Amino acid sequence: MKKLLLIVTTMVCLVGARAADVDTVSVRSDAMDKTVKTVIITPKDYTQRDSFPVVYLLHGYSGNYADWVNKAPEIKDFADQYGLIIVCPDGGYGSWYWDSPVDPSFRYETFVSGELVTWVDGQYKTIANRDGRAITGLSMGGHGALYLAMKHSDVYGAAGSTAGGVDIRPFPLNWDMAKRLGSYADYPERWESHTVINLVHRLTPNSLALIIDCGTSDFFYGVNEQLHRKLLDRNIPHTYITGPGAHNWEYWQRSIGYQLLFFDRFFR
């Protein structure tokens, strides 16, 4: 019996040794004069290869750096399956991943697309160019991923959004956006320049690999449909997925698999 227990314990240890590693690190942001907690997932074969693509995965409003790994733990399996490094930074409470013109303590565009990318490339075995980087997220993070990718196409080669708030203008009183931009009534030009749907002019065909999805019962479904149509009108290739689902983790847990498969194909 003891020999059997030893064998089973050894097998469990060996299986665990082959699984993705999950670390929580603190990354310094000089722009915001603080450190930002970030989850880093490295695949099981990290020691066996020279470099890996990186997917930056952003959380939603009221979430934090640990949301994805705690609520969709299957991302660890995807990191192993596709040989990816996955980076989940803390995006603050209602930052929308902007450099706020109102609050200098919210400079998450500079942090994520500048300071964090530089830090990750310095600490990990990454493919340190846009061909080896993708960014996506849910809800506020879906907006953030497309916003950052469209503004920093030199940093990211692919971007996605699941249930993203891709047009902020219909929601002027929601989710702390007015705290970051000022009210829509007083500063409409800020809202116009900080909404994803108004950044499509920055894209040219095939300049950025795009995947966008949203559930048909989601309150952001309408603005995602509008973004899809605008991309079609401008002949910007993209993958657009809709299906049954609401604004919840049940939908996001399903959708992240499609997003990471898309990025794997881009990297390959």
C-alpha atoms as a PDB file:
ATOM      1  CA  MET A   1       0.000   0.000   0.000  1.00  0.00           C
ATOM      2  CA  LYS A   2       2.833   2.364   0.871  1.00  0.00           C
ATOM      3  CA  LYS A   3       4.560   1.536  -2.432  1.00  0.00           C
ATOM      4  CA  LEU A   4       1.354   2.298  -4.365  1.00  0.00           C
ATOM      5  CA  LEU A   5       0.939   5.602  -2.515  1.00  0.00           C
ATOM      6  CA  LEU A   6       4.523   6.525  -3.338  1.00  0.00           C
ATOM      7  CA  ILE A   7       3.983   5.752  -7.033  1.00  0.00           C
ATOM      8  CA  VAL A   8       0.765   7.820  -7.176  1.00  0.00           C
ATOM      9  CA  THR A   9       2.428  10.726  -5.360  1.00  0.00           C
ATOM     10  CA  THR A  10       5.376  10.617  -7.739  1.00  0.00           C
ATOM     11  CA  MET A  11       3.062  10.624 -10.757  1.00  0.00           C
ATOM     12  CA  VAL A  12       1.168  13.658  -9.408  1.00  0.00           C
ATOM     13  CA  CYS A  13       4.435  15.503  -8.835  1.00  0.00           C
ATOM     14  CA  LEU A  14       5.620  14.711 -12.361  1.00  0.00           C
ATOM     15  CA  VAL A  15       2.345  15.916 -13.879  1.00  0.00           C
ATOM     16  CA  GLY A  16       2.524  19.094 -11.815  1.00  0.00           C
ATOM     17  CA  ALA A  17       6.112  19.678 -12.937  1.00  0.00           C
ATOM     18  CA  ARG A  18       4.980  19.688 -16.560  1.00  0.00           C
ATOM     19  CA  ALA A  19       2.206  22.227 -16.049  1.00  0.00           C
ATOM     20  CA  ALA A  20       2.383  25.940 -16.754  1.00  0.00           C
ATOM     21  CA  ASP A  21       3.921  28.114 -14.047  1.00  0.00           C
ATOM     22  CA  VAL A  22       1.893  30.992 -12.607  1.00  0.00           C
ATOM     23  CA  ASP A  23       3.738  33.830 -10.870  1.00  0.00           C
ATOM     24  CA  THR A  24       2.533  37.124  -9.452  1.00  0.00           C
ATOM     25  CA  VAL A  25       5.089  39.890  -9.839  1.00  0.00           C
ATOM     26  CA  SER A  26       5.217  43.600  -9.052  1.00  0.00           C
ATOM     27  CA  VAL A  27       6.223  45.790 -11.985  1.00  0.00           C
ATOM     28  CA  ARG A  28       7.439  49.325 -11.404  1.00  0.00           C
ATOM     29  CA  SER A  29       5.626  52.149 -13.191  1.00  0.00           C
ATOM     30  CA  ASP A  30       7.582  55.387 -13.164  1.00  0.00           C
ATOM     31  CA  ALA A  31       4.705  57.073 -14.996  1.00  0.00           C
ATOM     32  CA  MET A  32       2.353  56.400 -12.071  1.00  0.00           C
ATOM     33  CA  ASP A  33       5.020  56.246  -9.326  1.00  0.00           C
ATOM     34  CA  LYS A  34       3.897  52.854  -8.038  1.00  0.00           C
ATOM     35  CA  THR A  35       4.252  49.136  -8.591  1.00  0.00           C
ATOM     36  CA  VAL A  36       1.554  47.199 -10.420  1.00  0.00           C
ATOM     37  CA  LYS A  37       0.777  43.558  -9.647  1.00  0.00           C
ATOM     38  CA  THR A  38       0.827  41.322 -12.693  1.00  0.00           C
ATOM     39  CA  VAL A  39       0.230  37.606 -13.239  1.00  0.00           C
ATOM     40  CA  ILE A  40       2.732  35.919 -15.572  1.00  0.00           C
ATOM     41  CA  ILE A  41       1.981  32.441 -16.951  1.00  0.00           C
ATOM     42  CA  THR A  42       4.870  30.592 -18.591  1.00  0.00           C
ATOM     43  CA  PRO A  43       4.292  27.330 -20.483  1.00  0.00           C
ATOM     44  CA  LYS A  44       5.570  23.948 -19.392  1.00  0.00           C
ATOM     45  CA  ASP A  45       8.334  23.914 -22.021  1.00  0.00           C
ATOM     46  CA  TYR A  46       9.679  27.343 -21.049  1.00  0.00           C
ATOM     47  CA  THR A  47      13.158  25.995 -20.257  1.00  0.00           C
ATOM     48  CA  GLN A  48      13.370  24.070 -23.511  1.00  0.00           C
ATOM     49  CA  ARG A  49      12.998  26.882 -26.066  1.00  0.00           C
ATOM     50  CA  ASP A  50      14.766  30.147 -26.751  1.00  0.00           C
ATOM     51  CA  SER A  51      11.799  32.486 -27.200  1.00  0.00           C
ATOM     52  CA  PHE A  52       8.034  32.628 -26.863  1.00  0.00           C
ATOM     53  CA  PRO A  53       5.185  34.824 -28.122  1.00  0.00           C
ATOM     54  CA  VAL A  54       3.331  36.849 -25.509  1.00  0.00           C
ATOM     55  CA  VAL A  55      -0.382  37.512 -25.093  1.00  0.00           C
ATOM     56  CA  TYR A  56      -1.339  40.445 -22.868  1.00  0.00           C
ATOM     57  CA  LEU A  57      -4.703  39.655 -21.287  1.00  0.00           C
ATOM     58  CA  LEU A  58      -6.655  42.526 -19.705  1.00  0.00           C
ATOM     59  CA  HIS A  59      -9.357  42.341 -17.035  1.00  0.00           C
ATOM     60  CA  GLY A  60     -12.652  44.212 -16.899  1.00  0.00           C
ATOM     61  CA  TYR A  61     -14.087  47.001 -14.789  1.00  0.00           C
ATOM     62  CA  SER A  62     -13.913  46.247 -11.037  1.00  0.00           C
ATOM     63  CA  GLY A  63     -11.625  43.290 -11.769  1.00  0.00           C
ATOM     64  CA  ASN A  64      -7.922  42.852 -11.113  1.00  0.00           C
ATOM     65  CA  TYR A  65      -4.777  41.087 -12.252  1.00  0.00           C
ATOM     66  CA  ALA A  66      -5.888  37.708 -10.821  1.00  0.00           C
ATOM     67  CA  ASP A  67      -9.321  37.584 -12.480  1.00  0.00           C
ATOM     68  CA  TRP A  68      -8.387  35.599 -15.548  1.00  0.00           C
ATOM     69  CA  VAL A  69      -6.273  32.951 -13.843  1.00  0.00           C
ATOM     70  CA  ASN A  70      -8.789  32.480 -11.009  1.00  0.00           C
ATOM     71  CA  LYS A  71     -12.015  32.564 -13.012  1.00  0.00           C
ATOM     72  CA  ALA A  72     -10.793  31.028 -16.271  1.00  0.00           C
ATOM     73  CA  PRO A  73      -7.972  28.739 -15.096  1.00  0.00           C
ATOM     74  CA  GLU A  74      -8.036  26.928 -18.431  1.00  0.00           C
ATOM     75  CA  ILE A  75      -5.783  29.703 -19.768  1.00  0.00           C
ATOM     76  CA  LYS A  76      -2.916  27.801 -18.128  1.00  0.00           C
ATOM     77  CA  ASP A  77      -3.704  24.824 -20.354  1.00  0.00           C
ATOM     78  CA  PHE A  78      -3.785  27.083 -23.407  1.00  0.00           C
ATOM     79  CA  ALA A  79      -0.373  28.499 -22.462  1.00  0.00           C
ATOM     80  CA  ASP A  80       0.947  24.918 -22.508  1.00  0.00           C
ATOM     81  CA  GLN A  81      -0.925  23.893 -25.653  1.00  0.00           C
ATOM     82  CA  TYR A  82       0.179  26.858 -27.755  1.00  0.00           C
ATOM     83  CA  GLY A  83       3.532  27.606 -26.105  1.00  0.00           C
ATOM     84  CA  LEU A  84       2.561  31.121 -25.010  1.00  0.00           C
ATOM     85  CA  ILE A  85       3.542  33.475 -22.240  1.00  0.00           C
ATOM     86  CA  ILE A  86       0.364  35.109 -20.893  1.00  0.00           C
ATOM     87  CA  VAL A  87       0.620  38.407 -19.025  1.00  0.00           C
ATOM     88  CA  CYS A  88      -2.310  39.692 -16.930  1.00  0.00           C
ATOM     89  CA  PRO A  89      -1.607  43.173 -15.532  1.00  0.00           C
ATOM     90  CA  ASP A  90      -3.691  45.027 -13.005  1.00  0.00           C
ATOM     91  CA  GLY A  91      -5.501  47.787 -14.862  1.00  0.00           C
ATOM     92  CA  GLY A  92      -6.752  49.725 -11.852  1.00  0.00           C
ATOM     93  CA  TYR A  93     -10.368  50.288 -10.915  1.00  0.00           C
ATOM     94  CA  GLY A  94     -12.033  51.770 -13.975  1.00  0.00           C
ATOM     95  CA  SER A  95      -8.901  52.918 -15.796  1.00  0.00           C
ATOM     96  CA  TRP A  96     -10.167  51.863 -19.230  1.00  0.00           C
ATOM     97  CA  TYR A  97      -6.448  51.570 -19.989  1.00  0.00           C
ATOM     98  CA  TRP A  98      -6.162  55.246 -20.883  1.00  0.00           C
ATOM     99  CA  ASP A  99      -3.634  57.847 -19.894  1.00  0.00           C
ATOM    100  CA  SER A 100      -6.215  59.935 -18.067  1.00  0.00           C
ATOM    101  CA  PRO A 101      -6.171  63.652 -18.926  1.00  0.00           C
ATOM    102  CA  VAL A 102      -7.863  64.236 -15.557  1.00  0.00           C
ATOM    103  CA  ASP A 103      -6.026  62.011 -13.079  1.00  0.00           C
ATOM    104  CA  PRO A 104      -2.229  61.624 -13.469  1.00  0.00           C
ATOM    105  CA  SER A 105      -2.285  58.533 -11.239  1.00  0.00           C
ATOM    106  CA  PHE A 106      -4.076  56.701 -14.073  1.00  0.00           C
ATOM    107  CA  ARG A 107      -1.566  56.303 -16.906  1.00  0.00           C
ATOM    108  CA  TYR A 108      -2.290  52.757 -17.949  1.00  0.00           C
ATOM    109  CA  GLU A 109      -1.698  53.272 -21.665  1.00  0.00           C
ATOM    110  CA  THR A 110       1.891  54.225 -20.888  1.00  0.00           C
ATOM    111  CA  PHE A 111       2.220  51.419 -18.373  1.00  0.00           C
ATOM    112  CA  VAL A 112       0.820  48.514 -20.399  1.00  0.00           C
ATOM    113  CA  SER A 113       2.144  49.376 -23.858  1.00  0.00           C
ATOM    114  CA  GLY A 114       5.427  50.883 -22.685  1.00  0.00           C
ATOM    115  CA  GLU A 115       6.715  50.064 -19.247  1.00  0.00           C
ATOM    116  CA  LEU A 116       5.192  46.591 -18.902  1.00  0.00           C
ATOM    117  CA  VAL A 117       6.155  45.392 -22.382  1.00  0.00           C
ATOM    118  CA  THR A 118       9.719  46.602 -21.832  1.00  0.00           C
ATOM    119  CA  TRP A 119       9.882  44.877 -18.441  1.00  0.00           C
ATOM    120  CA  VAL A 120       8.489  41.570 -19.717  1.00  0.00           C
ATOM    121  CA  ASP A 121      10.912  41.541 -22.664  1.00  0.00           C
ATOM    122  CA  GLY A 122      13.762  42.184 -20.240  1.00  0.00           C
ATOM    123  CA  GLN A 123      12.803  39.458 -17.774  1.00  0.00           C
ATOM    124  CA  TYR A 124      11.457  36.646 -19.973  1.00  0.00           C
ATOM    125  CA  LYS A 125      12.415  34.814 -23.151  1.00  0.00           C
ATOM    126  CA  THR A 126      10.045  36.648 -25.452  1.00  0.00           C
ATOM    127  CA  ILE A 127       9.809  37.300 -29.164  1.00  0.00           C
ATOM    128  CA  ALA A 128      10.474  40.976 -28.572  1.00  0.00           C
ATOM    129  CA  ASN A 129       8.696  42.526 -31.537  1.00  0.00           C
ATOM    130  CA  ARG A 130       5.140  43.031 -32.787  1.00  0.00           C
ATOM    131  CA  ASP A 131       5.146  39.683 -34.593  1.00  0.00           C
ATOM    132  CA  GLY A 132       5.390  38.000 -31.209  1.00  0.00           C
ATOM    133  CA  ARG A 133       2.864  40.099 -29.293  1.00  0.00           C
ATOM    134  CA  ALA A 134      -0.920  40.094 -29.054  1.00  0.00           C
ATOM    135  CA  ILE A 135      -3.326  41.799 -26.675  1.00  0.00           C
ATOM    136  CA  THR A 136      -6.933  41.071 -25.739  1.00  0.00           C
ATOM    137  CA  GLY A 137      -9.324  41.379 -22.824  1.00  0.00           C
ATOM    138  CA  LEU A 138     -12.899  41.359 -21.627  1.00  0.00           C
ATOM    139  CA  SER A 139     -15.345  44.263 -21.304  1.00  0.00           C
ATOM    140  CA  MET A 140     -13.271  47.285 -20.199  1.00  0.00           C
ATOM    141  CA  GLY A 141     -10.244  45.157 -21.086  1.00  0.00           C
ATOM    142  CA  GLY A 142     -11.640  44.433 -24.544  1.00  0.00           C
ATOM    143  CA  HIS A 143     -11.902  48.158 -25.120  1.00  0.00           C
ATOM    144  CA  GLY A 144      -8.420  48.588 -23.671  1.00  0.00           C
ATOM    145  CA  ALA A 145      -6.863  45.917 -25.862  1.00  0.00           C
ATOM    146  CA  LEU A 146      -8.203  47.378 -29.115  1.00  0.00           C
ATOM    147  CA  TYR A 147      -7.507  50.953 -27.997  1.00  0.00           C
ATOM    148  CA  LEU A 148      -3.879  50.160 -27.167  1.00  0.00           C
ATOM    149  CA  ALA A 149      -3.302  48.051 -30.275  1.00  0.00           C
ATOM    150  CA  MET A 150      -4.780  50.632 -32.610  1.00  0.00           C
ATOM    151  CA  LYS A 151      -2.649  53.372 -31.050  1.00  0.00           C
ATOM    152  CA  HIS A 152       0.487  51.235 -30.785  1.00  0.00           C
ATOM    153  CA  SER A 153       0.571  49.055 -33.872  1.00  0.00           C
ATOM    154  CA  ASP A 154       4.360  49.113 -33.619  1.00  0.00           C
ATOM    155  CA  VAL A 155       4.038  47.172 -30.350  1.00  0.00           C
ATOM    156  CA  TYR A 156       1.290  44.624 -31.125  1.00  0.00           C
ATOM    157  CA  GLY A 157       0.746  42.581 -34.260  1.00  0.00           C
ATOM    158  CA  ALA A 158      -2.611  41.132 -33.212  1.00  0.00           C
ATOM    159  CA  ALA A 159      -5.456  42.230 -30.977  1.00  0.00           C
ATOM    160  CA  GLY A 160      -8.787  40.985 -29.741  1.00  0.00           C
ATOM    161  CA  SER A 161     -11.773  41.870 -27.657  1.00  0.00           C
ATOM    162  CA  THR A 162     -14.423  39.784 -25.965  1.00  0.00           C
ATOM    163  CA  ALA A 163     -17.588  41.661 -24.992  1.00  0.00           C
ATOM    164  CA  GLY A 164     -15.644  44.898 -25.237  1.00  0.00           C
ATOM    165  CA  GLY A 165     -17.055  48.350 -24.599  1.00  0.00           C
ATOM    166  CA  VAL A 166     -15.828  49.400 -28.020  1.00  0.00           C
ATOM    167  CA  ASP A 167     -17.864  52.604 -28.113  1.00  0.00           C
ATOM    168  CA  ILE A 168     -17.981  54.447 -24.795  1.00  0.00           C
ATOM    169  CA  ARG A 169     -20.206  57.328 -25.900  1.00  0.00           C
ATOM    170  CA  PRO A 170     -23.592  55.629 -25.292  1.00  0.00           C
ATOM    171  CA  PHE A 171     -22.611  55.134 -21.627  1.00  0.00           C
ATOM    172  CA  PRO A 172     -21.562  58.576 -20.332  1.00  0.00           C
ATOM    173  CA  LEU A 173     -22.557  57.937 -16.703  1.00  0.00           C
ATOM    174  CA  ASN A 174     -21.191  54.410 -16.331  1.00  0.00           C
ATOM    175  CA  TRP A 175     -18.105  52.662 -14.983  1.00  0.00           C
ATOM    176  CA  ASP A 176     -16.066  55.679 -13.804  1.00  0.00           C
ATOM    177  CA  MET A 177     -15.321  56.847 -17.333  1.00  0.00           C
ATOM    178  CA  ALA A 178     -16.215  60.446 -16.483  1.00  0.00           C
ATOM    179  CA  LYS A 179     -13.695  60.307 -13.624  1.00  0.00           C
ATOM    180  CA  ARG A 180     -10.956  59.531 -16.132  1.00  0.00           C
ATOM    181  CA  LEU A 181     -12.012  61.821 -19.009  1.00  0.00           C
ATOM    182  CA  GLY A 182     -14.234  64.467 -17.468  1.00  0.00           C
ATOM    183  CA  SER A 183     -17.927  64.462 -18.239  1.00  0.00           C
ATOM    184  CA  TYR A 184     -19.123  63.869 -21.786  1.00  0.00           C
ATOM    185  CA  ALA A 185     -21.163  67.085 -21.604  1.00  0.00           C
ATOM    186  CA  ASP A 186     -18.102  69.184 -20.739  1.00  0.00           C
ATOM    187  CA  TYR A 187     -15.398  67.375 -22.719  1.00  0.00           C
ATOM    188  CA  PRO A 188     -17.001  65.694 -25.738  1.00  0.00           C
ATOM    189  CA  GLU A 189     -13.775  65.882 -27.740  1.00  0.00           C
ATOM    190  CA  ARG A 190     -12.029  63.664 -25.185  1.00  0.00           C
ATOM    191  CA  TRP A 191     -14.750  61.032 -25.432  1.00  0.00           C
ATOM    192  CA  GLU A 192     -14.586  61.140 -29.222  1.00  0.00           C
ATOM    193  CA  SER A 193     -10.819  60.584 -29.259  1.00  0.00           C
ATOM    194  CA  HIS A 194     -10.774  57.916 -26.538  1.00  0.00           C
ATOM    195  CA  THR A 195     -13.365  55.533 -27.979  1.00  0.00           C
ATOM    196  CA  VAL A 196     -12.223  52.536 -30.018  1.00  0.00           C
ATOM    197  CA  ILE A 197     -14.740  52.906 -32.805  1.00  0.00           C
ATOM    198  CA  ASN A 198     -13.243  56.294 -33.683  1.00  0.00           C
ATOM    199  CA  LEU A 199      -9.737  54.843 -34.043  1.00  0.00           C
ATOM    200  CA  VAL A 200     -10.532  52.598 -37.014  1.00  0.00           C
ATOM    201  CA  HIS A 201      -9.042  55.249 -39.331  1.00  0.00           C
ATOM    202  CA  ARG A 202      -5.632  54.291 -37.904  1.00  0.00           C
ATOM    203  CA  LEU A 203      -5.888  50.851 -39.508  1.00  0.00           C
ATOM    204  CA  THR A 204      -4.977  49.785 -43.004  1.00  0.00           C
ATOM    205  CA  PRO A 205      -5.840  46.364 -44.433  1.00  0.00           C
ATOM    206  CA  ASN A 206      -3.849  43.644 -42.649  1.00  0.00           C
ATOM    207  CA  SER A 207      -1.922  46.117 -40.496  1.00  0.00           C
ATOM    208  CA  LEU A 208      -3.331  44.442 -37.386  1.00  0.00           C
ATOM    209  CA  ALA A 209      -4.745  40.929 -37.030  1.00  0.00           C
ATOM    210  CA  LEU A 210      -8.126  41.364 -35.314  1.00  0.00           C
ATOM    211  CA  ILE A 211     -10.599  39.079 -33.558  1.00  0.00           C
ATOM    212  CA  ILE A 212     -13.740  40.526 -31.963  1.00  0.00           C
ATOM    213  CA  ASP A 213     -16.545  38.629 -30.275  1.00  0.00           C
ATOM    214  CA  CYS A 214     -19.617  39.416 -28.217  1.00  0.00           C
ATOM    215  CA  GLY A 215     -22.648  37.523 -26.968  1.00  0.00           C
ATOM    216  CA  THR A 216     -25.985  38.435 -28.484  1.00  0.00           C
ATOM    217  CA  SER A 217     -27.530  39.087 -25.045  1.00  0.00           C
ATOM    218  CA  ASP A 218     -24.680  41.371 -23.958  1.00  0.00           C
ATOM    219  CA  PHE A 219     -25.391  45.067 -23.374  1.00  0.00           C
ATOM    220  CA  PHE A 220     -22.306  45.779 -25.514  1.00  0.00           C
ATOM    221  CA  TYR A 221     -23.619  43.718 -28.433  1.00  0.00           C
ATOM    222  CA  GLY A 222     -24.936  46.767 -30.304  1.00  0.00           C
ATOM    223  CA  VAL A 223     -21.670  48.700 -30.236  1.00  0.00           C
ATOM    224  CA  ASN A 224     -19.743  45.600 -31.326  1.00  0.00           C
ATOM    225  CA  GLU A 225     -22.087  45.213 -34.291  1.00  0.00           C
ATOM    226  CA  GLN A 226     -21.416  48.836 -35.196  1.00  0.00           C
ATOM    227  CA  LEU A 227     -17.645  48.331 -34.976  1.00  0.00           C
ATOM    228  CA  HIS A 228     -17.916  45.226 -37.165  1.00  0.00           C
ATOM    229  CA  ARG A 229     -19.847  47.166 -39.817  1.00  0.00           C
ATOM    230  CA  LYS A 230     -17.376  50.055 -39.717  1.00  0.00           C
ATOM    231  CA  LEU A 231     -14.458  47.666 -40.220  1.00  0.00           C
ATOM    232  CA  LEU A 232     -16.300  46.109 -43.165  1.00  0.00           C
ATOM    233  CA  ASP A 233     -16.987  49.538 -44.671  1.00  0.00           C
ATOM    234  CA  ARG A 234     -13.283  50.348 -44.500  1.00  0.00           C
ATOM    235  CA  ASN A 235     -12.230  46.933 -45.864  1.00  0.00           C
ATOM    236  CA  ILE A 236     -10.309  46.024 -42.713  1.00  0.00           C
ATOM    237  CA  PRO A 237     -10.041  42.219 -42.483  1.00  0.00           C
ATOM    238  CA  HIS A 238     -11.090  40.837 -39.107  1.00  0.00           C
ATOM    239  CA  THR A 239     -12.674  37.824 -37.476  1.00  0.00           C
ATOM    240  CA  TYR A 240     -16.032  38.596 -35.887  1.00  0.00           C
ATOM    241  CA  ILE A 241     -17.882  36.042 -33.755  1.00  0.00           C
ATOM    242  CA  THR A 242     -21.301  36.296 -32.145  1.00  0.00           C
ATOM    243  CA  GLY A 243     -23.441  33.709 -30.441  1.00  0.00           C
ATOM    244  CA  PRO A 244     -25.678  33.103 -27.450  1.00  0.00           C
ATOM    245  CA  GLY A 245     -24.275  34.667 -24.317  1.00  0.00           C
ATOM    246  CA  ALA A 246     -24.440  37.547 -21.881  1.00  0.00           C
ATOM    247  CA  HIS A 247     -21.908  39.749 -20.108  1.00  0.00           C
ATOM    248  CA  ASN A 248     -20.578  37.111 -17.738  1.00  0.00           C
ATOM    249  CA  TRP A 249     -17.794  34.628 -17.084  1.00  0.00           C
ATOM    250  CA  GLU A 250     -19.704  31.757 -18.657  1.00  0.00           C
ATOM    251  CA  TYR A 251     -19.347  33.515 -22.008  1.00  0.00           C
ATOM    252  CA  TRP A 252     -15.799  34.783 -21.436  1.00  0.00           C
ATOM    253  CA  GLN A 253     -14.559  31.325 -20.427  1.00  0.00           C
ATOM    254  CA  ARG A 254     -15.746  30.008 -23.785  1.00  0.00           C
ATOM    255  CA  SER A 255     -14.531  32.913 -25.856  1.00  0.00           C
ATOM    256  CA  ILE A 256     -10.945  33.000 -24.597  1.00  0.00           C
ATOM    257  CA  GLY A 257     -10.268  29.666 -26.289  1.00  0.00           C
ATOM    258  CA  TYR A 258     -11.187  31.126 -29.685  1.00  0.00           C
ATOM    259  CA  GLN A 259      -9.093  34.209 -29.035  1.00  0.00           C
ATOM    260  CA  LEU A 260      -5.970  32.257 -28.102  1.00  0.00           C
ATOM    261  CA  LEU A 261      -6.401  29.881 -31.061  1.00  0.00           C
ATOM    262  CA  PHE A 262      -6.563  32.928 -33.342  1.00  0.00           C
ATOM    263  CA  PHE A 263      -3.378  34.345 -31.827  1.00  0.00           C
ATOM    264  CA  ASP A 264      -1.595  30.999 -32.116  1.00  0.00           C
ATOM    265  CA  ARG A 265      -2.346  30.971 -35.837  1.00  0.00           C
ATOM    266  CA  PHE A 266      -1.098  34.549 -36.137  1.00  0.00           C
ATOM    267  CA  PHE A 267       2.166  33.685 -34.364  1.00  0.00           C
ATOM    268  CA  ARG A 268       2.708  30.663 -36.567  1.00  0.00           C
END
